[in-house]
Amino acid sequence: MPTKRGRPKYIKQQERFGYAMITPTMLFLFVMAAFPLAVLIVMSFFRIDLTFPSGNRFFGFGNYVQMIHDDRFWHAIRLTAIYTVSTVFLQVVTGLALAMAFFRGFRGEGILRVSVLLPMILAPVVVGLAFRTMIMTPEYGILDYASILLGLGSKPWLVDPTWALVSVIIIHTWQWTPFAFLVFLASLNAIPPDPLEAALMDTRNGWQRFWHVILPMIRPAVVIVIIFRTMIALRAFAAIFSATGGGPGTATEILNLYAYRESFNSLNLGYGSALGTVLLLITVGVSMVFFRMRKSRM
């Protein structure tokens, strides 16, 4: 029977049932995600130094003003930009190359596909420790030993500032390229066969077929991978922390690690919260830009 307002009663019952079903999930998300972020933002406006608690007070934008004059903050911003751009670029290029190789098919691809996916299964802490102890150890590590065999000599992978940054980029790329590979391979398999057959009958070479036919058809997948991998790279922590601890010195101290060190090593929770808030704003801003670019090109 219709209600007085003209809406059937069963529709209102369905709406109430839907709200009842999603309420526990929304409460869980609020407690586990939204509330901590709100607390983080509020703390960033206070001076909270556990080494000098008597000076704790409302600080307004003082932490953010201090940030402007903090050379270490700008160094962390620069490293975060280098780390994010490098790892996302390498993951997209390598993942796309692997997807194209597996898309064509070859003998034994099933076993190789499983081996390609294994790094993504491991915990980032485990990956960082494995590279630190077994892969990049001078002379005895797998990668360093291979470098010696190739005549390139032993490299200070984790003790030299430049090589340490290169090393954490390699670690992140190695672990998360399988994500890009999976998305690209699924997108390639979803391409209608007619355009591919028409491209194969054309006189254009393989690179032209890829650039003018295949890549435009999987462009939405490429954009999605760039968005997700950028968001993850901006807040990377565990693998870098377990491999280098942000060192040597501040050579691999991206903004996330700097916020951690200020909060839990220096016990300056107010300034650490401000650093975390800036990282949050950067992540949200970059994500919004990518999503707007994606919508404008669809």
C-alpha atoms as a PDB file:
ATOM      1  CA  MET A   1       0.000   0.000   0.000  1.00  0.00           C
ATOM      2  CA  PRO A   2       1.354   3.480  -0.835  1.00  0.00           C
ATOM      3  CA  THR A   3       2.096   5.749   2.063  1.00  0.00           C
ATOM      4  CA  LYS A   4       0.606   9.213   2.498  1.00  0.00           C
ATOM      5  CA  ARG A   5       3.650  10.712   0.794  1.00  0.00           C
ATOM      6  CA  GLY A   6       3.196   8.523  -2.249  1.00  0.00           C
ATOM      7  CA  ARG A   7       6.122   6.148  -1.611  1.00  0.00           C
ATOM      8  CA  PRO A   8       5.383   2.422  -1.236  1.00  0.00           C
ATOM      9  CA  LYS A   9       5.921   1.085   2.248  1.00  0.00           C
ATOM     10  CA  TYR A  10       8.191  -1.745   1.092  1.00  0.00           C
ATOM     11  CA  ILE A  11      10.673   0.777  -0.371  1.00  0.00           C
ATOM     12  CA  LYS A  12      11.033   2.483   3.004  1.00  0.00           C
ATOM     13  CA  GLN A  13      11.489  -0.924   4.636  1.00  0.00           C
ATOM     14  CA  GLN A  14      14.234  -1.775   2.147  1.00  0.00           C
ATOM     15  CA  GLU A  15      15.945   1.541   2.816  1.00  0.00           C
ATOM     16  CA  ARG A  16      15.861   0.978   6.573  1.00  0.00           C
ATOM     17  CA  PHE A  17      17.219  -2.525   6.079  1.00  0.00           C
ATOM     18  CA  GLY A  18      20.032  -1.152   3.888  1.00  0.00           C
ATOM     19  CA  TYR A  19      20.972   1.488   6.477  1.00  0.00           C
ATOM     20  CA  ALA A  20      20.929  -1.181   9.198  1.00  0.00           C
ATOM     21  CA  MET A  21      23.300  -3.364   7.156  1.00  0.00           C
ATOM     22  CA  ILE A  22      25.875  -0.656   6.386  1.00  0.00           C
ATOM     23  CA  THR A  23      25.818   1.029   9.813  1.00  0.00           C
ATOM     24  CA  PRO A  24      28.268  -1.434  11.501  1.00  0.00           C
ATOM     25  CA  THR A  25      30.695  -1.108   8.596  1.00  0.00           C
ATOM     26  CA  MET A  26      30.512   2.686   8.623  1.00  0.00           C
ATOM     27  CA  LEU A  27      31.055   2.760  12.388  1.00  0.00           C
ATOM     28  CA  PHE A  28      34.056   0.450  12.022  1.00  0.00           C
ATOM     29  CA  LEU A  29      35.559   2.658   9.296  1.00  0.00           C
ATOM     30  CA  PHE A  30      34.979   5.749  11.403  1.00  0.00           C
ATOM     31  CA  VAL A  31      36.665   4.256  14.482  1.00  0.00           C
ATOM     32  CA  MET A  32      39.580   2.715  12.564  1.00  0.00           C
ATOM     33  CA  ALA A  33      40.216   5.399   9.920  1.00  0.00           C
ATOM     34  CA  ALA A  34      38.328   8.680  10.155  1.00  0.00           C
ATOM     35  CA  PHE A  35      38.680   9.199  13.915  1.00  0.00           C
ATOM     36  CA  PRO A  36      42.488   8.627  14.038  1.00  0.00           C
ATOM     37  CA  LEU A  37      42.933  11.018  11.110  1.00  0.00           C
ATOM     38  CA  ALA A  38      40.836  13.641  12.883  1.00  0.00           C
ATOM     39  CA  VAL A  39      42.940  13.200  16.041  1.00  0.00           C
ATOM     40  CA  LEU A  40      46.118  13.517  13.938  1.00  0.00           C
ATOM     41  CA  ILE A  41      44.950  16.829  12.457  1.00  0.00           C
ATOM     42  CA  VAL A  42      43.910  18.198  15.874  1.00  0.00           C
ATOM     43  CA  MET A  43      47.263  17.209  17.433  1.00  0.00           C
ATOM     44  CA  SER A  44      49.119  19.058  14.688  1.00  0.00           C
ATOM     45  CA  PHE A  45      47.860  22.355  16.161  1.00  0.00           C
ATOM     46  CA  PHE A  46      49.382  21.630  19.567  1.00  0.00           C
ATOM     47  CA  ARG A  47      52.884  21.614  20.924  1.00  0.00           C
ATOM     48  CA  ILE A  48      53.204  18.087  22.358  1.00  0.00           C
ATOM     49  CA  ASP A  49      56.791  17.374  23.359  1.00  0.00           C
ATOM     50  CA  LEU A  50      57.054  14.452  25.786  1.00  0.00           C
ATOM     51  CA  THR A  51      60.629  15.421  26.672  1.00  0.00           C
ATOM     52  CA  PHE A  52      59.406  18.799  27.957  1.00  0.00           C
ATOM     53  CA  PRO A  53      55.736  18.270  28.925  1.00  0.00           C
ATOM     54  CA  SER A  54      55.417  21.504  30.893  1.00  0.00           C
ATOM     55  CA  GLY A  55      55.664  23.470  27.639  1.00  0.00           C
ATOM     56  CA  ASN A  56      52.840  21.639  25.936  1.00  0.00           C
ATOM     57  CA  ARG A  57      50.064  23.978  24.806  1.00  0.00           C
ATOM     58  CA  PHE A  58      47.910  25.010  21.903  1.00  0.00           C
ATOM     59  CA  PHE A  59      50.347  26.079  19.202  1.00  0.00           C
ATOM     60  CA  GLY A  60      48.053  27.091  16.336  1.00  0.00           C
ATOM     61  CA  PHE A  61      49.927  27.008  13.034  1.00  0.00           C
ATOM     62  CA  GLY A  62      53.276  27.104  14.833  1.00  0.00           C
ATOM     63  CA  ASN A  63      54.236  23.578  13.757  1.00  0.00           C
ATOM     64  CA  TYR A  64      53.525  24.433  10.129  1.00  0.00           C
ATOM     65  CA  VAL A  65      55.511  27.666  10.337  1.00  0.00           C
ATOM     66  CA  GLN A  66      58.413  25.698  11.802  1.00  0.00           C
ATOM     67  CA  MET A  67      58.102  23.281   8.910  1.00  0.00           C
ATOM     68  CA  ILE A  68      58.693  26.049   6.370  1.00  0.00           C
ATOM     69  CA  HIS A  69      62.106  26.774   7.896  1.00  0.00           C
ATOM     70  CA  ASP A  70      63.000  23.099   8.427  1.00  0.00           C
ATOM     71  CA  ASP A  71      65.660  21.996   5.899  1.00  0.00           C
ATOM     72  CA  ARG A  72      65.146  18.389   6.935  1.00  0.00           C
ATOM     73  CA  PHE A  73      61.470  18.639   5.971  1.00  0.00           C
ATOM     74  CA  TRP A  74      62.283  19.903   2.475  1.00  0.00           C
ATOM     75  CA  HIS A  75      64.912  17.193   2.141  1.00  0.00           C
ATOM     76  CA  ALA A  76      62.255  14.601   3.031  1.00  0.00           C
ATOM     77  CA  ILE A  77      59.841  16.153   0.500  1.00  0.00           C
ATOM     78  CA  ARG A  78      62.476  15.944  -2.223  1.00  0.00           C
ATOM     79  CA  LEU A  79      63.289  12.318  -1.400  1.00  0.00           C
ATOM     80  CA  THR A  80      59.577  11.449  -1.314  1.00  0.00           C
ATOM     81  CA  ALA A  81      59.111  12.936  -4.790  1.00  0.00           C
ATOM     82  CA  ILE A  82      62.141  11.092  -6.202  1.00  0.00           C
ATOM     83  CA  TYR A  83      61.130   7.833  -4.542  1.00  0.00           C
ATOM     84  CA  THR A  84      57.493   8.040  -5.668  1.00  0.00           C
ATOM     85  CA  VAL A  85      58.120   9.059  -9.276  1.00  0.00           C
ATOM     86  CA  SER A  86      60.916   6.506  -9.745  1.00  0.00           C
ATOM     87  CA  THR A  87      59.099   3.535  -8.252  1.00  0.00           C
ATOM     88  CA  VAL A  88      55.777   4.234  -9.991  1.00  0.00           C
ATOM     89  CA  PHE A  89      57.493   4.722 -13.364  1.00  0.00           C
ATOM     90  CA  LEU A  90      59.525   1.524 -13.010  1.00  0.00           C
ATOM     91  CA  GLN A  91      56.507  -0.488 -11.844  1.00  0.00           C
ATOM     92  CA  VAL A  92      54.354   0.679 -14.761  1.00  0.00           C
ATOM     93  CA  VAL A  93      57.045   0.058 -17.395  1.00  0.00           C
ATOM     94  CA  THR A  94      58.190  -3.296 -15.977  1.00  0.00           C
ATOM     95  CA  GLY A  95      54.656  -4.509 -15.251  1.00  0.00           C
ATOM     96  CA  LEU A  96      53.514  -3.599 -18.753  1.00  0.00           C
ATOM     97  CA  ALA A  97      56.510  -5.339 -20.325  1.00  0.00           C
ATOM     98  CA  LEU A  98      55.850  -8.509 -18.295  1.00  0.00           C
ATOM     99  CA  ALA A  99      52.139  -8.410 -19.145  1.00  0.00           C
ATOM    100  CA  MET A 100      52.906  -8.134 -22.867  1.00  0.00           C
ATOM    101  CA  ALA A 101      55.332 -11.061 -22.607  1.00  0.00           C
ATOM    102  CA  PHE A 102      52.811 -13.292 -20.823  1.00  0.00           C
ATOM    103  CA  PHE A 103      49.971 -12.129 -23.078  1.00  0.00           C
ATOM    104  CA  ARG A 104      51.649 -13.685 -26.083  1.00  0.00           C
ATOM    105  CA  GLY A 105      52.003 -16.995 -24.245  1.00  0.00           C
ATOM    106  CA  PHE A 106      54.946 -19.382 -24.095  1.00  0.00           C
ATOM    107  CA  ARG A 107      55.845 -22.758 -22.650  1.00  0.00           C
ATOM    108  CA  GLY A 108      56.136 -22.786 -18.863  1.00  0.00           C
ATOM    109  CA  GLU A 109      54.370 -19.458 -18.399  1.00  0.00           C
ATOM    110  CA  GLY A 110      52.249 -20.853 -15.520  1.00  0.00           C
ATOM    111  CA  ILE A 111      55.261 -21.468 -13.295  1.00  0.00           C
ATOM    112  CA  LEU A 112      56.839 -18.153 -14.215  1.00  0.00           C
ATOM    113  CA  ARG A 113      53.573 -16.322 -13.552  1.00  0.00           C
ATOM    114  CA  VAL A 114      53.487 -17.698 -10.001  1.00  0.00           C
ATOM    115  CA  SER A 115      57.122 -16.685  -9.441  1.00  0.00           C
ATOM    116  CA  VAL A 116      56.383 -13.153 -10.676  1.00  0.00           C
ATOM    117  CA  LEU A 117      53.515 -12.823  -8.189  1.00  0.00           C
ATOM    118  CA  LEU A 118      55.448 -14.098  -5.150  1.00  0.00           C
ATOM    119  CA  PRO A 119      57.026 -10.743  -4.109  1.00  0.00           C
ATOM    120  CA  MET A 120      53.602  -9.144  -3.641  1.00  0.00           C
ATOM    121  CA  ILE A 121      52.602 -11.873  -1.168  1.00  0.00           C
ATOM    122  CA  LEU A 122      55.469 -11.120   1.224  1.00  0.00           C
ATOM    123  CA  ALA A 123      55.147  -8.585   4.026  1.00  0.00           C
ATOM    124  CA  PRO A 124      57.130  -5.351   3.358  1.00  0.00           C
ATOM    125  CA  VAL A 125      59.099  -5.838   6.596  1.00  0.00           C
ATOM    126  CA  VAL A 126      60.175  -9.298   5.445  1.00  0.00           C
ATOM    127  CA  VAL A 127      61.170  -7.939   2.048  1.00  0.00           C
ATOM    128  CA  GLY A 128      63.258  -5.155   3.596  1.00  0.00           C
ATOM    129  CA  LEU A 129      65.040  -7.553   5.950  1.00  0.00           C
ATOM    130  CA  ALA A 130      65.643 -10.061   3.140  1.00  0.00           C
ATOM    131  CA  PHE A 131      67.302  -7.437   0.953  1.00  0.00           C
ATOM    132  CA  ARG A 132      69.319  -6.161   3.890  1.00  0.00           C
ATOM    133  CA  THR A 133      70.634  -9.560   5.023  1.00  0.00           C
ATOM    134  CA  MET A 134      70.621 -11.840   1.978  1.00  0.00           C
ATOM    135  CA  ILE A 135      70.513  -9.795  -1.213  1.00  0.00           C
ATOM    136  CA  MET A 136      72.425  -6.545  -0.688  1.00  0.00           C
ATOM    137  CA  THR A 137      74.996  -7.618   1.899  1.00  0.00           C
ATOM    138  CA  PRO A 138      78.468  -6.607   0.634  1.00  0.00           C
ATOM    139  CA  GLU A 139      80.278  -9.519  -1.081  1.00  0.00           C
ATOM    140  CA  TYR A 140      77.929 -12.201   0.247  1.00  0.00           C
ATOM    141  CA  GLY A 141      74.543 -10.888  -0.874  1.00  0.00           C
ATOM    142  CA  ILE A 142      72.997 -12.308  -4.042  1.00  0.00           C
ATOM    143  CA  LEU A 143      72.830  -8.972  -5.855  1.00  0.00           C
ATOM    144  CA  ASP A 144      76.295  -7.867  -4.741  1.00  0.00           C
ATOM    145  CA  TYR A 145      77.799 -11.231  -5.700  1.00  0.00           C
ATOM    146  CA  ALA A 146      76.211 -10.961  -9.144  1.00  0.00           C
ATOM    147  CA  SER A 147      77.673  -7.476  -9.482  1.00  0.00           C
ATOM    148  CA  ILE A 148      81.121  -8.833  -8.668  1.00  0.00           C
ATOM    149  CA  LEU A 149      80.761 -11.671 -11.197  1.00  0.00           C
ATOM    150  CA  LEU A 150      79.801  -9.168 -13.896  1.00  0.00           C
ATOM    151  CA  GLY A 151      82.976  -7.221 -13.185  1.00  0.00           C
ATOM    152  CA  LEU A 152      81.177  -4.229 -11.688  1.00  0.00           C
ATOM    153  CA  GLY A 153      82.653  -4.736  -8.243  1.00  0.00           C
ATOM    154  CA  SER A 154      81.020  -4.686  -4.835  1.00  0.00           C
ATOM    155  CA  LYS A 155      78.589  -1.825  -4.234  1.00  0.00           C
ATOM    156  CA  PRO A 156      77.792  -0.060  -0.935  1.00  0.00           C
ATOM    157  CA  TRP A 157      74.083  -0.727  -1.405  1.00  0.00           C
ATOM    158  CA  LEU A 158      72.832   0.321   2.018  1.00  0.00           C
ATOM    159  CA  VAL A 159      75.712   2.357   3.478  1.00  0.00           C
ATOM    160  CA  ASP A 160      76.305   4.977   0.783  1.00  0.00           C
ATOM    161  CA  PRO A 161      73.659   7.750   0.613  1.00  0.00           C
ATOM    162  CA  THR A 162      73.166   7.569  -3.166  1.00  0.00           C
ATOM    163  CA  TRP A 163      73.230   3.789  -3.359  1.00  0.00           C
ATOM    164  CA  ALA A 164      70.891   3.513  -0.374  1.00  0.00           C
ATOM    165  CA  LEU A 165      68.233   5.576  -2.165  1.00  0.00           C
ATOM    166  CA  VAL A 166      68.687   3.470  -5.295  1.00  0.00           C
ATOM    167  CA  SER A 167      68.384   0.338  -3.160  1.00  0.00           C
ATOM    168  CA  VAL A 168      65.054   1.260  -1.547  1.00  0.00           C
ATOM    169  CA  ILE A 169      63.701   2.157  -4.997  1.00  0.00           C
ATOM    170  CA  ILE A 170      64.758  -1.297  -6.215  1.00  0.00           C
ATOM    171  CA  ILE A 171      63.142  -2.958  -3.188  1.00  0.00           C
ATOM    172  CA  HIS A 172      59.803  -1.189  -3.629  1.00  0.00           C
ATOM    173  CA  THR A 173      59.792  -1.792  -7.384  1.00  0.00           C
ATOM    174  CA  TRP A 174      60.602  -5.490  -6.957  1.00  0.00           C
ATOM    175  CA  GLN A 175      57.795  -6.069  -4.479  1.00  0.00           C
ATOM    176  CA  TRP A 176      54.969  -4.126  -6.115  1.00  0.00           C
ATOM    177  CA  THR A 177      55.567  -4.601  -9.855  1.00  0.00           C
ATOM    178  CA  PRO A 178      53.380  -7.771  -9.661  1.00  0.00           C
ATOM    179  CA  PHE A 179      50.373  -5.548  -8.876  1.00  0.00           C
ATOM    180  CA  ALA A 180      50.848  -3.610 -12.109  1.00  0.00           C
ATOM    181  CA  PHE A 181      51.499  -6.869 -13.947  1.00  0.00           C
ATOM    182  CA  LEU A 182      48.203  -8.385 -12.757  1.00  0.00           C
ATOM    183  CA  VAL A 183      46.130  -5.339 -13.713  1.00  0.00           C
ATOM    184  CA  PHE A 184      47.757  -4.978 -17.125  1.00  0.00           C
ATOM    185  CA  LEU A 185      47.493  -8.686 -17.934  1.00  0.00           C
ATOM    186  CA  ALA A 186      43.773  -8.692 -17.028  1.00  0.00           C
ATOM    187  CA  SER A 187      43.248  -5.597 -19.193  1.00  0.00           C
ATOM    188  CA  LEU A 188      45.061  -7.176 -22.139  1.00  0.00           C
ATOM    189  CA  ASN A 189      42.969 -10.325 -21.870  1.00  0.00           C
ATOM    190  CA  ALA A 190      39.807  -8.182 -21.864  1.00  0.00           C
ATOM    191  CA  ILE A 191      40.658  -6.461 -25.167  1.00  0.00           C
ATOM    192  CA  PRO A 192      38.220  -7.446 -27.950  1.00  0.00           C
ATOM    193  CA  PRO A 193      39.987  -9.662 -30.507  1.00  0.00           C
ATOM    194  CA  ASP A 194      38.791  -7.747 -33.585  1.00  0.00           C
ATOM    195  CA  PRO A 195      41.025  -4.647 -33.134  1.00  0.00           C
ATOM    196  CA  LEU A 196      44.033  -6.871 -32.458  1.00  0.00           C
ATOM    197  CA  GLU A 197      43.389  -8.966 -35.561  1.00  0.00           C
ATOM    198  CA  ALA A 198      42.978  -5.824 -37.632  1.00  0.00           C
ATOM    199  CA  ALA A 199      46.244  -4.440 -36.249  1.00  0.00           C
ATOM    200  CA  LEU A 200      48.057  -7.694 -37.029  1.00  0.00           C
ATOM    201  CA  MET A 201      46.845  -7.550 -40.636  1.00  0.00           C
ATOM    202  CA  ASP A 202      48.118  -4.001 -40.954  1.00  0.00           C
ATOM    203  CA  THR A 203      51.603  -3.283 -42.238  1.00  0.00           C
ATOM    204  CA  ARG A 204      52.659  -1.545 -39.038  1.00  0.00           C
ATOM    205  CA  ASN A 205      55.383  -3.135 -36.884  1.00  0.00           C
ATOM    206  CA  GLY A 206      54.994  -4.466 -33.338  1.00  0.00           C
ATOM    207  CA  TRP A 207      55.908  -1.188 -31.627  1.00  0.00           C
ATOM    208  CA  GLN A 208      53.371   0.749 -33.694  1.00  0.00           C
ATOM    209  CA  ARG A 209      50.667  -1.832 -32.938  1.00  0.00           C
ATOM    210  CA  PHE A 210      51.407  -1.511 -29.244  1.00  0.00           C
ATOM    211  CA  TRP A 211      51.581   2.305 -29.218  1.00  0.00           C
ATOM    212  CA  HIS A 212      48.583   3.043 -31.458  1.00  0.00           C
ATOM    213  CA  VAL A 213      46.261   0.107 -30.736  1.00  0.00           C
ATOM    214  CA  ILE A 214      46.996  -1.736 -27.490  1.00  0.00           C
ATOM    215  CA  LEU A 215      48.117   1.118 -25.229  1.00  0.00           C
ATOM    216  CA  PRO A 216      45.086   3.378 -25.930  1.00  0.00           C
ATOM    217  CA  MET A 217      42.766   0.450 -25.140  1.00  0.00           C
ATOM    218  CA  ILE A 218      44.359  -0.252 -21.761  1.00  0.00           C
ATOM    219  CA  ARG A 219      44.899   3.415 -20.839  1.00  0.00           C
ATOM    220  CA  PRO A 220      42.256   3.334 -18.043  1.00  0.00           C
ATOM    221  CA  ALA A 221      44.137   0.453 -16.422  1.00  0.00           C
ATOM    222  CA  VAL A 222      47.426   2.363 -16.681  1.00  0.00           C
ATOM    223  CA  VAL A 223      45.877   5.406 -14.988  1.00  0.00           C
ATOM    224  CA  ILE A 224      44.395   3.270 -12.200  1.00  0.00           C
ATOM    225  CA  VAL A 225      47.767   1.606 -11.562  1.00  0.00           C
ATOM    226  CA  ILE A 226      49.499   5.002 -11.444  1.00  0.00           C
ATOM    227  CA  ILE A 227      46.923   6.330  -8.968  1.00  0.00           C
ATOM    228  CA  PHE A 228      47.061   3.352  -6.613  1.00  0.00           C
ATOM    229  CA  ARG A 229      50.827   2.922  -6.741  1.00  0.00           C
ATOM    230  CA  THR A 230      51.386   6.664  -6.177  1.00  0.00           C
ATOM    231  CA  MET A 231      49.168   6.610  -3.086  1.00  0.00           C
ATOM    232  CA  ILE A 232      51.026   3.582  -1.710  1.00  0.00           C
ATOM    233  CA  ALA A 233      54.492   4.944  -2.534  1.00  0.00           C
ATOM    234  CA  LEU A 234      53.784   8.260  -0.812  1.00  0.00           C
ATOM    235  CA  ARG A 235      53.099   6.491   2.476  1.00  0.00           C
ATOM    236  CA  ALA A 236      55.744   3.757   2.147  1.00  0.00           C
ATOM    237  CA  PHE A 237      57.368   2.879   5.433  1.00  0.00           C
ATOM    238  CA  ALA A 238      57.913  -0.745   6.451  1.00  0.00           C
ATOM    239  CA  ALA A 239      60.359  -1.896   3.748  1.00  0.00           C
ATOM    240  CA  ILE A 240      62.517   1.246   4.009  1.00  0.00           C
ATOM    241  CA  PHE A 241      62.480   1.154   7.799  1.00  0.00           C
ATOM    242  CA  SER A 242      63.550  -2.502   7.952  1.00  0.00           C
ATOM    243  CA  ALA A 243      66.187  -2.126   5.215  1.00  0.00           C
ATOM    244  CA  THR A 244      67.851   1.200   6.053  1.00  0.00           C
ATOM    245  CA  GLY A 245      65.914   2.764   8.935  1.00  0.00           C
ATOM    246  CA  GLY A 246      65.887   5.973   6.899  1.00  0.00           C
ATOM    247  CA  GLY A 247      69.663   6.082   6.789  1.00  0.00           C
ATOM    248  CA  PRO A 248      72.490   6.347   6.386  1.00  0.00           C
ATOM    249  CA  GLY A 249      71.781   9.611   8.146  1.00  0.00           C
ATOM    250  CA  THR A 250      68.738  10.967   6.322  1.00  0.00           C
ATOM    251  CA  ALA A 251      69.607   9.556   2.887  1.00  0.00           C
ATOM    252  CA  THR A 252      66.398   7.503   2.632  1.00  0.00           C
ATOM    253  CA  GLU A 253      64.264   9.468   5.074  1.00  0.00           C
ATOM    254  CA  ILE A 254      61.095  10.108   3.111  1.00  0.00           C
ATOM    255  CA  LEU A 255      58.369  12.218   4.704  1.00  0.00           C
ATOM    256  CA  ASN A 256      56.624   9.237   6.308  1.00  0.00           C
ATOM    257  CA  LEU A 257      59.831   8.156   8.047  1.00  0.00           C
ATOM    258  CA  TYR A 258      60.600  11.715   9.145  1.00  0.00           C
ATOM    259  CA  ALA A 259      57.164  11.943  10.779  1.00  0.00           C
ATOM    260  CA  TYR A 260      57.828   8.626  12.538  1.00  0.00           C
ATOM    261  CA  ARG A 261      61.245   9.715  13.803  1.00  0.00           C
ATOM    262  CA  GLU A 262      59.927  13.016  15.122  1.00  0.00           C
ATOM    263  CA  SER A 263      56.990  11.323  16.853  1.00  0.00           C
ATOM    264  CA  PHE A 264      58.594   8.222  18.353  1.00  0.00           C
ATOM    265  CA  ASN A 265      62.333   8.913  18.446  1.00  0.00           C
ATOM    266  CA  SER A 266      62.325  12.604  19.352  1.00  0.00           C
ATOM    267  CA  LEU A 267      58.932  12.274  21.140  1.00  0.00           C
ATOM    268  CA  ASN A 268      57.757  15.495  19.493  1.00  0.00           C
ATOM    269  CA  LEU A 269      54.213  14.330  18.799  1.00  0.00           C
ATOM    270  CA  GLY A 270      52.876  17.732  17.799  1.00  0.00           C
ATOM    271  CA  TYR A 271      55.419  18.329  15.046  1.00  0.00           C
ATOM    272  CA  GLY A 272      55.229  14.679  13.968  1.00  0.00           C
ATOM    273  CA  SER A 273      51.452  15.034  13.637  1.00  0.00           C
ATOM    274  CA  ALA A 274      51.912  18.146  11.508  1.00  0.00           C
ATOM    275  CA  LEU A 275      54.284  16.218   9.225  1.00  0.00           C
ATOM    276  CA  GLY A 276      51.756  13.399   8.988  1.00  0.00           C
ATOM    277  CA  THR A 277      48.992  15.875   8.174  1.00  0.00           C
ATOM    278  CA  VAL A 278      51.054  17.376   5.359  1.00  0.00           C
ATOM    279  CA  LEU A 279      51.663  13.889   3.977  1.00  0.00           C
ATOM    280  CA  LEU A 280      47.918  13.217   4.178  1.00  0.00           C
ATOM    281  CA  LEU A 281      47.148  16.444   2.296  1.00  0.00           C
ATOM    282  CA  ILE A 282      49.750  15.646  -0.380  1.00  0.00           C
ATOM    283  CA  THR A 283      48.309  12.151  -0.878  1.00  0.00           C
ATOM    284  CA  VAL A 284      44.740  13.449  -1.133  1.00  0.00           C
ATOM    285  CA  GLY A 285      45.778  16.279  -3.459  1.00  0.00           C
ATOM    286  CA  VAL A 286      47.755  14.047  -5.826  1.00  0.00           C
ATOM    287  CA  SER A 287      44.938  11.486  -5.897  1.00  0.00           C
ATOM    288  CA  MET A 288      42.345  14.154  -6.715  1.00  0.00           C
ATOM    289  CA  VAL A 289      44.496  15.479  -9.568  1.00  0.00           C
ATOM    290  CA  PHE A 290      44.890  11.989 -11.056  1.00  0.00           C
ATOM    291  CA  PHE A 291      41.188  11.219 -10.755  1.00  0.00           C
ATOM    292  CA  ARG A 292      40.263  14.528 -12.412  1.00  0.00           C
ATOM    293  CA  MET A 293      42.706  13.809 -15.247  1.00  0.00           C
ATOM    294  CA  ARG A 294      41.188  10.369 -15.656  1.00  0.00           C
ATOM    295  CA  LYS A 295      37.632  11.727 -15.841  1.00  0.00           C
ATOM    296  CA  SER A 296      38.571  14.478 -18.288  1.00  0.00           C
ATOM    297  CA  ARG A 297      40.059  11.959 -20.724  1.00  0.00           C
ATOM    298  CA  MET A 298      37.223   9.447 -20.603  1.00  0.00           C
END
